[in-house]
Amino acid sequence: MVGCCSRSSATAHFCALTNQCFRRPAKPSTRSSETEISITISPAITGYLRKTQTMKKSIYPHLRLPNERIRQRKNARRTRRRKRRHRTSDRSRRSRHHPLQHLLRARKSAGKSVLRLRPRTPAQRKNPDLIIGVAGCVASQEGENIIKRAPYVDVVFGPQTLHRLPKMIVDKETSGLSQVDISFPEIEKFDHLPPARVEGGAAFVSIMEGCSKYCSFCVVPYTRGEEFSRPLNDVLTEIANLAQQGVKEINLLGQNVNAYRGEMEDGEICDFATLLRIVHEIPGIERMRFTTSHPREFTDSIIECYRDLPKLVSHLHLPIQSGSDRVLSAMKRGYTALEYKSIIRKLRAIRPDLCLSSDFIVGFPGETEREFEQTLKLVKDIAFDLSFVFIYSPRPGTPAANLPDDTPHAEKVRRLEALNEVIEAETARINQTMIGTVQRCLVEGISKKDPDQLQARTANNRVVNFTGTPDMINQMIDLEITEAYTFSLRGKPVEA
């Protein structure tokens, strides 16, 4: 591919890099904020804040998780009395605690949830220092309008500026003014990613952000910005460090991973297929996944990776959205149903056991019954597995929001149920064919269904519950499948 590094040069670059990674691991950052802040925050961003080293001293020691709120409320008065007794005149050394009420929504009604808050909520009456924050895609889309409509909101920040939250809280305290930051600081966010530390056998690695496809129904380009790739050196360093910590499976993450174009230290550009080949050679990594990809850039070089890279799992999530060419055109997806089928034919020619999942939208403006039937036929022809079906709802600011939403809600629900029925039947069929087979699985931990059992995951993304021992957790083992259900399997370890 023109403009992309060759396999040999990229591999040489990787060898030099991994030698550096394994011999001289990077020291974690020791920077910290001088202001001590305590926040109550939702699970949506708790994990990021917990692991972010540059925020660790300013936030994590005082982080209150949602399931601790009841205890926190009971002790609120006692805590305030204790603070008053120990208050000092030196403001720079005083600990300031600001619980943060966090809103995060992704659906149409998200913006309305902000307006349902009132300047004096029960939480604020109990704790006058409560900070109200709006975050996520709604924040990026609405920005300053949130403050205009709800002036009691203190901080507004988007997905790309989460790492600036500590400073925004300090600025709010100092100036008394609401803080809004919904910019798209491309490389800055990647600079603030936490050190590669995990407690399991699988890990996600972010390789790019944003999307430049501008599908007519989607807000991602407007809320997360244009596509921006992490430098190759940073991605490989993180994966090498994860491998050192015992990670067996890597999931490369991005809004459109196959648009990856990472810059190398010599200025060359590494495309996604080349990245897959390099990651495949990292010692300790036994399985590779990626999500999410786009059909428009699913090139032959990526397809060839399924032929050449045994660590690349036999599972692919490739959203199509509709089986109707007219609807696909209205969605501005940039491909036809036939072109999508061509990709799948090539993949299954070299990986016959490939399991394919996808995304579908039913009830898109103007979708007729005949066009829905085309989607239904496509699902049956391709035999999709474990897919996601959504009822269309308009996103303000997108081109599709200007189209008449002319399909009754009841009809949308009927189409959703019909599509799910076909997909679930295929999922159950695939599960039945796995009975009696031996699957290489990564043991993830205790089973969610039975605390006396363990849970593992197959290469084709099936959950397998089985009886095992704790030392199996985070290890790759062989399991014989003994029973099959619609959404899970049961198995037993294969004796060596």
Protein backbone atom coordinates (compact mmCIF):
# COMPACT_ATOMS: atom_id res chain seq x y z
CA MET A 1 0.00 0.00 0.00
CA VAL A 2 1.40 3.39 -0.99
CA GLY A 3 2.55 5.40 1.99
CA CYS A 4 2.64 2.43 4.36
CA CYS A 5 5.75 0.86 5.81
CA SER A 6 6.95 -2.45 4.46
CA ARG A 7 6.70 -5.57 6.60
CA SER A 8 10.47 -5.84 6.90
CA SER A 9 11.03 -2.25 8.01
CA ALA A 10 8.11 -2.41 10.44
CA THR A 11 9.34 -5.69 11.91
CA ALA A 12 12.83 -4.30 12.34
CA HIS A 13 11.34 -1.31 14.10
CA PHE A 14 9.36 -3.66 16.35
CA CYS A 15 12.44 -5.73 17.27
CA ALA A 16 14.34 -2.64 18.34
CA LEU A 17 11.35 -1.43 20.28
CA THR A 18 10.60 -4.68 22.12
CA ASN A 19 14.24 -5.00 23.15
CA GLN A 20 13.88 -1.59 24.72
CA CYS A 21 10.51 -2.47 26.31
CA PHE A 22 11.61 -5.72 27.89
CA ARG A 23 15.00 -4.49 29.09
CA ARG A 24 14.12 -1.00 30.27
CA PRO A 25 10.44 -0.68 31.18
CA ALA A 26 9.29 2.89 31.29
CA LYS A 27 8.98 4.31 34.80
CA PRO A 28 5.49 5.49 35.69
CA SER A 29 4.92 9.18 35.93
CA THR A 30 5.29 10.69 39.40
CA ARG A 31 3.58 13.99 38.63
CA SER A 32 0.67 14.94 40.85
CA SER A 33 -1.63 17.86 41.43
CA GLU A 34 -1.10 20.06 44.47
CA THR A 35 -4.85 20.19 45.08
CA GLU A 36 -6.48 17.23 46.78
CA ILE A 37 -9.94 16.43 45.42
CA SER A 38 -12.49 13.83 46.43
CA ILE A 39 -15.20 12.97 43.90
CA THR A 40 -18.10 10.58 43.61
CA ILE A 41 -18.19 9.43 40.01
CA SER A 42 -20.07 6.97 37.82
CA PRO A 43 -18.64 3.62 36.68
CA ALA A 44 -18.41 5.01 33.11
CA ILE A 45 -15.21 6.88 33.96
CA THR A 46 -14.16 5.36 37.29
CA GLY A 47 -11.89 2.82 35.62
CA TYR A 48 -10.06 5.45 33.61
CA LEU A 49 -9.49 7.69 36.62
CA ARG A 50 -8.42 4.79 38.81
CA LYS A 51 -5.63 3.81 36.43
CA THR A 52 -4.45 7.22 35.24
CA GLN A 53 -1.08 7.69 36.89
CA THR A 54 -0.92 11.46 36.40
CA MET A 55 -4.21 11.82 38.31
CA LYS A 56 -3.49 9.17 40.90
CA LYS A 57 -2.38 11.37 43.78
CA SER A 58 -4.98 14.05 43.17
CA ILE A 59 -8.04 11.82 42.75
CA TYR A 60 -7.71 8.09 43.31
CA PRO A 61 -6.88 8.00 47.06
CA HIS A 62 -10.20 9.73 47.74
CA LEU A 63 -12.37 8.12 45.07
CA ARG A 64 -15.82 7.17 46.30
CA LEU A 65 -17.45 4.47 44.17
CA PRO A 66 -21.23 4.54 43.62
CA ASN A 67 -21.88 1.54 45.89
CA GLU A 68 -20.35 3.51 48.77
CA ARG A 69 -22.71 6.45 48.50
CA ILE A 70 -25.12 5.24 51.17
CA ARG A 71 -22.34 5.02 53.73
CA GLN A 72 -20.97 8.35 52.54
CA ARG A 73 -24.33 10.07 53.08
CA LYS A 74 -24.68 8.64 56.58
CA ASN A 75 -21.29 10.06 57.51
CA ALA A 76 -21.67 13.38 55.69
CA ARG A 77 -22.58 15.47 58.72
CA ARG A 78 -19.89 13.90 60.88
CA THR A 79 -17.32 14.53 58.15
CA ARG A 80 -18.28 18.19 57.81
CA ARG A 81 -18.05 18.72 61.58
CA ARG A 82 -14.62 17.10 61.62
CA LYS A 83 -13.46 19.31 58.75
CA ARG A 84 -14.59 22.43 60.60
CA ARG A 85 -12.64 21.41 63.70
CA HIS A 86 -9.47 20.75 61.74
CA ARG A 87 -9.77 23.63 59.31
CA THR A 88 -6.59 25.64 58.93
CA SER A 89 -6.03 29.18 57.73
CA ASP A 90 -3.59 27.96 55.11
CA ARG A 91 -5.90 27.34 52.11
CA SER A 92 -3.09 25.91 49.99
CA ARG A 93 -2.64 23.02 52.44
CA ARG A 94 -6.30 22.40 53.17
CA SER A 95 -7.98 19.33 51.68
CA ARG A 96 -11.04 20.30 49.62
CA HIS A 97 -13.61 17.57 48.93
CA HIS A 98 -15.97 17.96 45.98
CA PRO A 99 -18.29 15.06 45.16
CA LEU A 100 -19.17 15.13 41.48
CA GLN A 101 -22.66 14.28 40.24
CA HIS A 102 -22.00 12.84 36.79
CA LEU A 103 -24.40 12.52 33.86
CA LEU A 104 -23.58 10.24 30.94
CA ARG A 105 -26.13 9.35 28.29
CA ALA A 106 -25.98 8.17 24.68
CA ARG A 107 -29.60 8.17 23.55
CA LYS A 108 -31.94 10.82 22.23
CA SER A 109 -33.26 11.82 25.66
CA ALA A 110 -29.80 12.48 27.05
CA GLY A 111 -29.93 16.25 26.76
CA LYS A 112 -33.28 16.33 28.55
CA SER A 113 -31.80 14.68 31.62
CA VAL A 114 -29.69 17.78 32.27
CA LEU A 115 -32.78 19.96 32.42
CA ARG A 116 -34.46 17.63 34.91
CA LEU A 117 -31.88 18.62 37.51
CA ARG A 118 -32.63 21.62 39.71
CA PRO A 119 -30.20 24.07 41.33
CA ARG A 120 -31.08 22.68 44.75
CA THR A 121 -31.27 18.92 44.41
CA PRO A 122 -31.52 16.75 47.56
CA ALA A 123 -27.87 15.82 47.08
CA GLN A 124 -26.88 19.49 47.00
CA ARG A 125 -28.91 20.29 50.10
CA LYS A 126 -27.06 17.57 51.97
CA ASN A 127 -23.71 18.57 50.52
CA PRO A 128 -23.35 22.20 49.38
CA ASP A 129 -19.97 21.38 47.82
CA LEU A 130 -21.55 19.01 45.27
CA ILE A 131 -20.25 19.64 41.76
CA ILE A 132 -22.59 18.83 38.88
CA GLY A 133 -20.86 17.65 35.73
CA VAL A 134 -22.08 16.66 32.28
CA ALA A 135 -19.76 14.38 30.31
CA GLY A 136 -19.59 12.24 27.21
CA CYS A 137 -21.08 12.63 23.75
CA VAL A 138 -23.98 14.80 24.97
CA ALA A 139 -21.48 17.24 26.44
CA SER A 140 -19.50 17.38 23.19
CA GLN A 141 -22.64 17.97 21.17
CA GLU A 142 -24.27 20.60 23.41
CA GLY A 143 -21.23 22.37 24.89
CA GLU A 144 -21.98 25.90 26.11
CA ASN A 145 -25.70 25.36 25.51
CA ILE A 146 -25.80 23.15 28.60
CA ILE A 147 -24.60 26.03 30.77
CA LYS A 148 -27.08 28.42 29.15
CA ARG A 149 -30.02 26.11 29.79
CA ALA A 150 -28.77 24.81 33.13
CA PRO A 151 -26.47 27.41 34.73
CA TYR A 152 -26.15 25.29 37.87
CA VAL A 153 -23.98 22.78 35.95
CA ASP A 154 -20.37 23.27 37.04
CA VAL A 155 -18.25 21.31 34.54
CA VAL A 156 -18.90 20.10 30.99
CA PHE A 157 -16.32 17.89 29.29
CA GLY A 158 -16.22 15.49 26.36
CA PRO A 159 -14.69 12.04 25.90
CA GLN A 160 -11.45 13.57 24.65
CA THR A 161 -10.91 15.85 27.65
CA LEU A 162 -11.52 13.51 30.57
CA HIS A 163 -7.87 13.82 31.57
CA ARG A 164 -8.40 17.55 32.16
CA LEU A 165 -11.10 16.99 34.79
CA PRO A 166 -8.88 17.67 37.85
CA LYS A 167 -7.81 21.05 36.48
CA MET A 168 -11.39 21.93 35.54
CA ILE A 169 -12.54 21.27 39.11
CA VAL A 170 -9.72 23.40 40.50
CA ASP A 171 -10.52 26.20 38.03
CA LYS A 172 -14.18 26.05 39.02
CA GLU A 173 -13.23 26.37 42.70
CA THR A 174 -10.82 29.22 42.00
CA SER A 175 -12.92 31.31 39.61
CA GLY A 176 -16.44 30.33 40.62
CA LEU A 177 -17.31 30.03 36.92
CA SER A 178 -18.62 26.98 35.10
CA GLN A 179 -15.94 25.19 33.09
CA VAL A 180 -16.51 23.85 29.56
CA ASP A 181 -13.94 21.87 27.58
CA ILE A 182 -15.22 19.87 24.62
CA SER A 183 -12.18 20.24 22.39
CA PHE A 184 -10.43 17.43 20.52
CA PRO A 185 -6.83 17.40 21.81
CA GLU A 186 -5.60 14.57 19.62
CA ILE A 187 -2.18 13.47 20.81
CA GLU A 188 -2.71 15.02 24.26
CA LYS A 189 -5.26 12.41 25.30
CA PHE A 190 -3.01 9.57 24.26
CA ASP A 191 -0.21 11.17 26.27
CA HIS A 192 -2.38 10.84 29.38
CA LEU A 193 -3.31 7.19 28.98
CA PRO A 194 -2.55 5.19 32.15
CA PRO A 195 0.44 2.86 32.36
CA ALA A 196 -0.24 -0.63 31.05
CA ARG A 197 -1.41 -2.41 34.20
CA VAL A 198 -4.10 -5.09 34.33
CA GLU A 199 -5.44 -7.76 36.64
CA GLY A 200 -6.63 -10.25 34.01
CA GLY A 201 -5.52 -12.26 31.03
CA ALA A 202 -7.07 -9.95 28.41
CA ALA A 203 -6.67 -6.23 27.81
CA PHE A 204 -7.95 -3.49 25.50
CA VAL A 205 -5.41 -1.26 23.79
CA SER A 206 -6.62 1.98 22.21
CA ILE A 207 -4.95 2.53 18.84
CA MET A 208 -7.03 5.37 17.37
CA GLU A 209 -9.83 7.82 18.14
CA GLY A 210 -12.61 9.46 16.18
CA CYS A 211 -14.21 8.79 12.81
CA SER A 212 -14.12 10.54 9.44
CA LYS A 213 -16.90 8.59 7.71
CA TYR A 214 -19.80 10.93 8.63
CA CYS A 215 -22.63 8.41 8.34
CA SER A 216 -25.87 10.36 8.19
CA PHE A 217 -27.23 8.93 11.46
CA CYS A 218 -24.09 9.07 13.62
CA VAL A 219 -22.81 11.75 16.01
CA VAL A 220 -19.35 10.24 16.55
CA PRO A 221 -17.48 12.51 14.07
CA TYR A 222 -19.04 15.54 15.76
CA THR A 223 -18.44 14.40 19.34
CA ARG A 224 -15.11 12.58 19.05
CA GLY A 225 -13.51 14.36 16.13
CA GLU A 226 -11.72 13.16 13.02
CA GLU A 227 -9.75 9.93 12.92
CA PHE A 228 -6.45 10.17 14.74
CA SER A 229 -4.01 7.28 15.20
CA ARG A 230 -1.60 6.67 18.05
CA PRO A 231 2.04 6.46 17.02
CA LEU A 232 3.18 2.90 16.36
CA ASN A 233 5.88 3.13 19.02
CA ASP A 234 3.32 3.95 21.73
CA VAL A 235 0.98 1.11 20.77
CA LEU A 236 3.73 -1.51 20.72
CA THR A 237 5.23 -0.27 23.97
CA GLU A 238 1.88 -0.66 25.73
CA ILE A 239 1.29 -4.15 24.32
CA ALA A 240 4.82 -5.28 25.22
CA ASN A 241 4.34 -4.06 28.79
CA LEU A 242 1.00 -5.88 28.99
CA ALA A 243 2.65 -9.08 27.78
CA GLN A 244 5.25 -8.70 30.54
CA GLN A 245 2.40 -8.61 33.06
CA GLY A 246 0.96 -11.89 31.81
CA VAL A 247 -1.71 -10.68 29.38
CA LYS A 248 -2.53 -13.39 26.86
CA GLU A 249 -5.14 -11.64 24.70
CA ILE A 250 -5.06 -8.16 23.15
CA ASN A 251 -8.11 -6.36 21.76
CA LEU A 252 -7.15 -3.40 19.55
CA LEU A 253 -9.72 -0.68 20.11
CA GLY A 254 -11.04 2.28 18.13
CA GLN A 255 -14.10 3.74 16.46
CA ASN A 256 -12.72 2.51 13.12
CA VAL A 257 -9.59 0.47 13.72
CA ASN A 258 -8.94 -0.46 10.12
CA ALA A 259 -8.44 3.24 9.38
CA TYR A 260 -5.33 3.10 11.58
CA ARG A 261 -2.38 5.01 10.15
CA GLY A 262 0.23 5.18 12.89
CA GLU A 263 3.38 7.20 12.45
CA MET A 264 6.72 5.50 13.01
CA GLU A 265 9.80 7.18 14.42
CA ASP A 266 11.32 7.46 10.96
CA GLY A 267 8.22 9.25 9.65
CA GLU A 268 6.82 6.29 7.72
CA ILE A 269 3.18 5.32 8.14
CA CYS A 270 2.10 1.89 9.39
CA ASP A 271 -1.34 0.71 8.26
CA PHE A 272 -3.63 -1.59 10.22
CA ALA A 273 -2.70 -4.82 8.44
CA THR A 274 0.98 -4.18 9.16
CA LEU A 275 0.18 -3.41 12.79
CA LEU A 276 -1.59 -6.78 13.09
CA ARG A 277 1.45 -8.58 11.73
CA ILE A 278 3.79 -6.82 14.16
CA VAL A 279 1.59 -7.44 17.21
CA HIS A 280 1.39 -11.11 16.18
CA GLU A 281 5.14 -11.41 16.80
CA ILE A 282 5.13 -10.03 20.36
CA PRO A 283 6.17 -12.82 22.76
CA GLY A 284 3.50 -13.81 25.27
CA ILE A 285 0.50 -12.62 23.25
CA GLU A 286 -1.51 -15.70 22.26
CA ARG A 287 -4.72 -14.17 20.88
CA MET A 288 -5.60 -10.98 19.00
CA ARG A 289 -8.95 -9.25 18.44
CA PHE A 290 -10.01 -5.84 17.21
CA THR A 291 -13.13 -3.72 17.33
CA THR A 292 -14.77 -1.90 15.65
CA SER A 293 -14.05 -1.96 11.91
CA HIS A 294 -15.72 -0.43 8.85
CA PRO A 295 -16.43 -2.29 5.59
CA ARG A 296 -15.17 0.62 3.45
CA GLU A 297 -11.59 0.07 4.59
CA PHE A 298 -11.59 -3.68 5.08
CA THR A 299 -8.84 -4.20 2.53
CA ASP A 300 -7.45 -7.37 1.00
CA SER A 301 -4.30 -6.87 3.09
CA ILE A 302 -6.42 -7.15 6.26
CA ILE A 303 -8.23 -10.21 4.87
CA GLU A 304 -4.86 -11.86 4.20
CA CYS A 305 -4.03 -11.51 7.90
CA TYR A 306 -6.73 -14.11 8.61
CA ARG A 307 -4.80 -16.48 6.36
CA ASP A 308 -1.34 -15.77 7.77
CA LEU A 309 -1.85 -14.98 11.48
CA PRO A 310 -3.09 -17.91 13.59
CA LYS A 311 -3.27 -15.71 16.71
CA LEU A 312 -5.98 -13.60 15.05
CA VAL A 313 -9.22 -15.10 16.39
CA SER A 314 -11.96 -16.56 14.19
CA HIS A 315 -14.41 -13.86 15.17
CA LEU A 316 -15.09 -10.52 13.51
CA HIS A 317 -17.45 -7.67 14.30
CA LEU A 318 -18.14 -5.85 11.03
CA PRO A 319 -21.18 -3.51 11.14
CA ILE A 320 -23.35 -3.38 8.02
CA GLN A 321 -26.49 -1.57 9.40
CA SER A 322 -28.86 -2.62 6.57
CA GLY A 323 -29.27 -5.08 3.72
CA SER A 324 -30.90 -2.51 1.43
CA ASP A 325 -28.68 -0.59 -0.99
CA ARG A 326 -31.03 2.40 -0.94
CA VAL A 327 -30.97 2.56 2.85
CA LEU A 328 -27.19 2.12 2.89
CA SER A 329 -26.90 5.03 0.47
CA ALA A 330 -29.18 7.18 2.63
CA MET A 331 -27.03 6.27 5.61
CA LYS A 332 -23.92 7.32 3.63
CA ARG A 333 -22.18 4.06 4.46
CA GLY A 334 -20.17 4.03 1.24
CA TYR A 335 -20.72 0.41 0.15
CA THR A 336 -23.45 -1.87 -1.19
CA ALA A 337 -24.79 -5.12 0.22
CA LEU A 338 -23.02 -6.98 -2.60
CA GLU A 339 -19.67 -5.37 -1.75
CA TYR A 340 -20.14 -6.36 1.89
CA LYS A 341 -20.93 -9.94 0.86
CA SER A 342 -17.77 -9.99 -1.24
CA ILE A 343 -15.66 -9.22 1.84
CA ILE A 344 -17.33 -12.04 3.76
CA ARG A 345 -16.84 -14.53 0.91
CA LYS A 346 -13.11 -13.77 0.83
CA LEU A 347 -12.82 -14.12 4.60
CA ARG A 348 -14.67 -17.42 4.80
CA ALA A 349 -12.71 -18.83 1.88
CA ILE A 350 -9.62 -18.73 4.10
CA ARG A 351 -11.36 -19.04 7.51
CA PRO A 352 -14.42 -21.28 7.06
CA ASP A 353 -15.09 -21.28 10.82
CA LEU A 354 -15.17 -17.47 11.08
CA CYS A 355 -18.05 -16.23 13.26
CA LEU A 356 -19.37 -12.86 12.18
CA SER A 357 -21.28 -10.34 14.28
CA SER A 358 -22.66 -7.01 13.11
CA ASP A 359 -24.80 -3.96 13.90
CA PHE A 360 -28.22 -3.29 12.38
CA ILE A 361 -30.57 -0.31 12.48
CA VAL A 362 -34.28 -0.93 11.86
CA GLY A 363 -36.81 1.78 11.09
CA PHE A 364 -34.35 4.17 9.42
CA PRO A 365 -36.28 7.06 7.77
CA GLY A 366 -37.95 5.80 4.62
CA GLU A 367 -37.21 2.11 5.22
CA THR A 368 -40.00 0.12 3.58
CA GLU A 369 -41.16 -3.37 4.43
CA ARG A 370 -39.47 -4.65 1.27
CA GLU A 371 -36.18 -3.05 2.31
CA PHE A 372 -36.43 -4.59 5.76
CA GLU A 373 -37.02 -7.97 4.12
CA GLN A 374 -33.77 -7.43 2.20
CA THR A 375 -31.98 -6.98 5.53
CA LEU A 376 -33.64 -10.11 6.87
CA LYS A 377 -32.53 -12.08 3.81
CA LEU A 378 -28.95 -10.80 4.13
CA VAL A 379 -28.84 -11.93 7.76
CA LYS A 380 -29.96 -15.42 6.75
CA ASP A 381 -27.58 -15.61 3.78
CA ILE A 382 -24.50 -14.55 5.74
CA ALA A 383 -25.53 -16.36 8.96
CA PHE A 384 -24.69 -13.55 11.35
CA ASP A 385 -23.93 -14.45 14.91
CA LEU A 386 -24.34 -12.58 18.24
CA SER A 387 -25.24 -9.27 16.58
CA PHE A 388 -26.71 -6.02 17.84
CA VAL A 389 -30.00 -4.62 16.54
CA PHE A 390 -31.06 -1.04 17.28
CA ILE A 391 -34.26 0.88 16.69
CA TYR A 392 -33.51 4.09 14.80
CA SER A 393 -33.82 7.30 16.77
CA PRO A 394 -32.65 10.68 15.42
CA ARG A 395 -29.49 12.30 16.75
CA PRO A 396 -29.71 16.11 16.76
CA GLY A 397 -27.24 17.71 14.38
CA THR A 398 -26.93 14.72 12.05
CA PRO A 399 -28.24 14.80 8.45
CA ALA A 400 -30.66 11.94 9.12
CA ALA A 401 -32.34 13.98 11.86
CA ASN A 402 -33.79 16.19 9.10
CA LEU A 403 -35.50 13.23 7.43
CA PRO A 404 -39.09 12.32 8.34
CA ASP A 405 -39.13 9.57 10.95
CA ASP A 406 -42.05 7.89 9.19
CA THR A 407 -42.00 4.37 10.63
CA PRO A 408 -44.37 3.83 13.60
CA HIS A 409 -42.62 2.77 16.79
CA ALA A 410 -44.65 -0.42 17.01
CA GLU A 411 -43.45 -1.40 13.53
CA LYS A 412 -39.84 -0.67 14.51
CA VAL A 413 -40.24 -2.96 17.51
CA ARG A 414 -41.70 -5.71 15.31
CA ARG A 415 -38.76 -5.49 12.91
CA LEU A 416 -36.27 -5.53 15.78
CA GLU A 417 -37.85 -8.66 17.25
CA ALA A 418 -38.00 -10.39 13.86
CA LEU A 419 -34.32 -9.69 13.21
CA ASN A 420 -33.27 -10.76 16.70
CA GLU A 421 -35.21 -14.01 16.32
CA VAL A 422 -33.25 -14.95 13.19
CA ILE A 423 -29.90 -13.96 14.72
CA GLU A 424 -30.54 -15.85 17.97
CA ALA A 425 -31.55 -18.96 16.04
CA GLU A 426 -28.25 -18.87 14.14
CA THR A 427 -26.33 -18.29 17.37
CA ALA A 428 -27.99 -21.32 18.95
CA ARG A 429 -27.25 -23.42 15.86
CA ILE A 430 -23.54 -22.52 15.96
CA ASN A 431 -23.42 -23.34 19.66
CA GLN A 432 -24.94 -26.76 19.02
CA THR A 433 -22.26 -27.56 16.42
CA MET A 434 -19.58 -26.92 19.05
CA ILE A 435 -20.74 -29.75 21.33
CA GLY A 436 -18.02 -32.41 21.47
CA THR A 437 -15.31 -30.10 20.13
CA VAL A 438 -12.23 -29.01 22.05
CA GLN A 439 -11.82 -25.25 22.26
CA ARG A 440 -8.77 -23.25 23.30
CA CYS A 441 -10.13 -20.82 25.90
CA LEU A 442 -8.90 -17.96 28.05
CA VAL A 443 -10.17 -18.36 31.63
CA GLU A 444 -11.55 -14.97 32.66
CA GLY A 445 -12.55 -15.62 36.28
CA ILE A 446 -15.48 -16.75 38.41
CA SER A 447 -18.64 -17.60 36.48
CA LYS A 448 -21.35 -14.96 36.61
CA LYS A 449 -24.00 -17.69 36.74
CA ASP A 450 -22.47 -19.97 39.36
CA PRO A 451 -19.84 -18.83 41.91
CA ASP A 452 -18.65 -22.43 42.20
CA GLN A 453 -17.62 -22.47 38.53
CA LEU A 454 -15.17 -20.62 36.31
CA GLN A 455 -15.86 -18.70 33.12
CA ALA A 456 -13.75 -18.85 29.98
CA ARG A 457 -14.02 -17.41 26.48
CA THR A 458 -13.46 -19.19 23.19
CA ALA A 459 -11.73 -17.72 20.15
CA ASN A 460 -15.13 -17.21 18.50
CA ASN A 461 -16.31 -15.17 21.50
CA ARG A 462 -18.38 -17.81 23.33
CA VAL A 463 -18.62 -17.90 27.12
CA VAL A 464 -17.93 -21.36 28.55
CA ASN A 465 -18.79 -22.19 32.18
CA PHE A 466 -16.92 -25.12 33.73
CA THR A 467 -15.66 -26.59 36.98
CA GLY A 468 -12.03 -25.74 37.58
CA THR A 469 -9.45 -24.50 40.07
CA PRO A 470 -8.44 -20.89 40.86
CA ASP A 471 -4.96 -21.37 39.41
CA MET A 472 -6.58 -21.67 35.96
CA ILE A 473 -7.75 -18.04 36.00
CA ASN A 474 -6.00 -15.87 33.36
CA GLN A 475 -4.56 -18.98 31.71
CA MET A 476 -5.18 -20.52 28.29
CA ILE A 477 -6.62 -24.03 28.61
CA ASP A 478 -8.37 -26.60 26.42
CA LEU A 479 -12.05 -27.22 27.19
CA GLU A 480 -14.31 -29.90 25.74
CA ILE A 481 -17.78 -28.47 25.07
CA THR A 482 -20.44 -30.67 26.68
CA GLU A 483 -23.62 -28.55 26.55
CA ALA A 484 -24.86 -25.63 24.48
CA TYR A 485 -27.35 -22.88 25.25
CA THR A 486 -28.39 -19.82 23.25
CA PHE A 487 -25.82 -17.46 24.73
CA SER A 488 -23.34 -19.69 26.55
CA LEU A 489 -21.70 -23.10 26.63
CA ARG A 490 -20.75 -25.61 29.29
CA GLY A 491 -17.55 -27.59 29.19
CA LYS A 492 -14.89 -29.53 31.05
CA PRO A 493 -11.09 -29.32 31.06
CA VAL A 494 -9.28 -31.69 28.75
CA GLU A 495 -6.88 -33.90 30.68
CA ALA A 496 -3.30 -33.57 29.51
